[in-house]
Amino acid sequence: MSETSSHKNAKSKAAGKSGRKEVPISKNKRLDAATKKRATEIERSGNLKSLEKAALRLKESGKKQKIPQVPQKDISKAVQAMKNKSVRGTVKNMSGTKRRFV
């Protein structure tokens, strides 16, 4: 399935100038974006299962800062997914104006 333009834009913004997009991690998995200290996963579906998979990818990244980025209406689901998988990090909405620490 191809990526939407909003997903591509969010990945580019999360990677910034010094980061990379589609960073490989263990078991043929990939993070959406990563910098030296930060791992970012963009998840737009709002499905709890896919949010938990994203949380596991963040956990496996080994980065200090783990940030799932979701639409604002799905922030509480993302927080629950992070708690279910015992991942500490910051859940952000797509624009970055709202944050919830887990």
Protein backbone atom coordinates (compact mmCIF):
# COMPACT_ATOMS: atom_id res chain seq x y z
CA MET A 1 0.00 0.00 0.00
CA SER A 2 1.39 3.38 -0.94
CA GLU A 3 1.82 6.24 1.49
CA THR A 4 -0.42 9.25 1.53
CA SER A 5 1.11 12.65 0.95
CA SER A 6 0.29 13.70 4.52
CA HIS A 7 2.20 10.67 5.85
CA LYS A 8 5.22 11.52 3.68
CA ASN A 9 5.14 15.15 4.83
CA ALA A 10 4.94 14.09 8.49
CA LYS A 11 7.94 11.77 8.06
CA SER A 12 10.00 14.50 6.44
CA LYS A 13 9.12 16.97 9.17
CA ALA A 14 9.92 14.43 11.91
CA ALA A 15 13.29 13.58 10.36
CA GLY A 16 14.32 17.23 10.15
CA LYS A 17 17.60 18.31 8.61
CA SER A 18 19.90 15.91 10.44
CA GLY A 19 17.61 12.84 10.57
CA ARG A 20 16.76 9.99 8.24
CA LYS A 21 13.51 8.51 6.96
CA GLU A 22 12.70 4.77 6.79
CA VAL A 23 15.43 3.73 9.23
CA PRO A 24 15.92 -0.06 9.41
CA ILE A 25 15.69 -1.77 12.81
CA SER A 26 15.75 -5.47 13.75
CA LYS A 27 13.73 -8.20 12.00
CA ASN A 28 13.22 -6.31 8.72
CA LYS A 29 11.24 -3.56 10.41
CA ARG A 30 11.58 0.15 9.71
CA LEU A 31 11.01 3.32 11.69
CA ASP A 32 9.35 6.20 9.90
CA ALA A 33 11.99 8.72 10.99
CA ALA A 34 14.96 8.88 13.33
CA THR A 35 17.65 11.26 14.45
CA LYS A 36 20.61 10.56 16.71
CA LYS A 37 18.48 10.52 19.90
CA ARG A 38 14.86 10.43 18.69
CA ALA A 39 12.69 7.74 17.06
CA THR A 40 9.39 8.81 15.49
CA GLU A 41 6.53 6.65 14.22
CA ILE A 42 3.64 8.22 12.35
CA GLU A 43 0.42 6.21 12.71
CA ARG A 44 -2.71 7.67 11.14
CA SER A 45 -5.10 4.69 11.30
CA GLY A 46 -6.24 4.97 14.93
CA ASN A 47 -6.48 1.18 15.21
CA LEU A 48 -5.27 -0.06 18.62
CA LYS A 49 -3.45 -3.05 17.09
CA SER A 50 -1.47 -0.90 14.67
CA LEU A 51 -0.71 1.60 17.44
CA GLU A 52 0.68 -1.24 19.56
CA LYS A 53 2.85 -2.40 16.64
CA ALA A 54 4.18 1.14 16.28
CA ALA A 55 4.92 1.21 20.02
CA LEU A 56 6.92 -2.02 19.69
CA ARG A 57 8.91 -0.59 16.77
CA LEU A 58 9.74 2.43 18.93
CA LYS A 59 10.78 0.15 21.79
CA GLU A 60 13.07 -1.87 19.51
CA SER A 61 14.70 1.27 18.13
CA GLY A 62 16.83 1.74 21.24
CA LYS A 63 16.59 5.52 20.96
CA LYS A 64 16.32 7.69 24.06
CA GLN A 65 13.25 9.63 22.90
CA LYS A 66 10.32 7.65 21.50
CA ILE A 67 7.55 9.64 19.81
CA PRO A 68 4.45 8.21 18.17
CA GLN A 69 2.66 10.87 16.14
CA VAL A 70 -1.10 10.37 15.72
CA PRO A 71 -4.17 12.43 14.82
CA GLN A 72 -5.46 14.41 17.80
CA LYS A 73 -8.57 12.26 18.22
CA ASP A 74 -6.38 9.15 18.67
CA ILE A 75 -3.98 10.47 21.32
CA SER A 76 -5.69 8.58 24.15
CA LYS A 77 -5.58 5.32 22.16
CA ALA A 78 -1.87 5.83 21.48
CA VAL A 79 -1.21 6.46 25.18
CA GLN A 80 -3.04 3.22 26.00
CA ALA A 81 -1.03 1.31 23.37
CA MET A 82 2.23 2.65 24.81
CA LYS A 83 1.16 1.58 28.32
CA ASN A 84 0.10 -1.87 27.07
CA LYS A 85 3.56 -2.46 25.57
CA SER A 86 5.47 -0.82 28.47
CA VAL A 87 7.02 1.90 26.33
CA ARG A 88 7.83 5.31 27.77
CA GLY A 89 7.71 8.30 25.47
CA THR A 90 5.79 11.33 24.26
CA VAL A 91 2.63 10.99 22.18
CA LYS A 92 2.13 13.98 19.85
CA ASN A 93 -0.64 15.03 17.53
CA MET A 94 0.18 15.47 13.85
CA SER A 95 0.86 19.19 14.07
CA GLY A 96 2.89 18.89 17.28
CA THR A 97 0.73 21.26 19.29
CA LYS A 98 -0.51 18.69 21.84
CA ARG A 99 1.64 16.24 23.81
CA ARG A 100 1.02 13.52 26.36
CA PHE A 101 3.85 11.93 28.33
CA VAL A 102 3.66 8.20 29.05
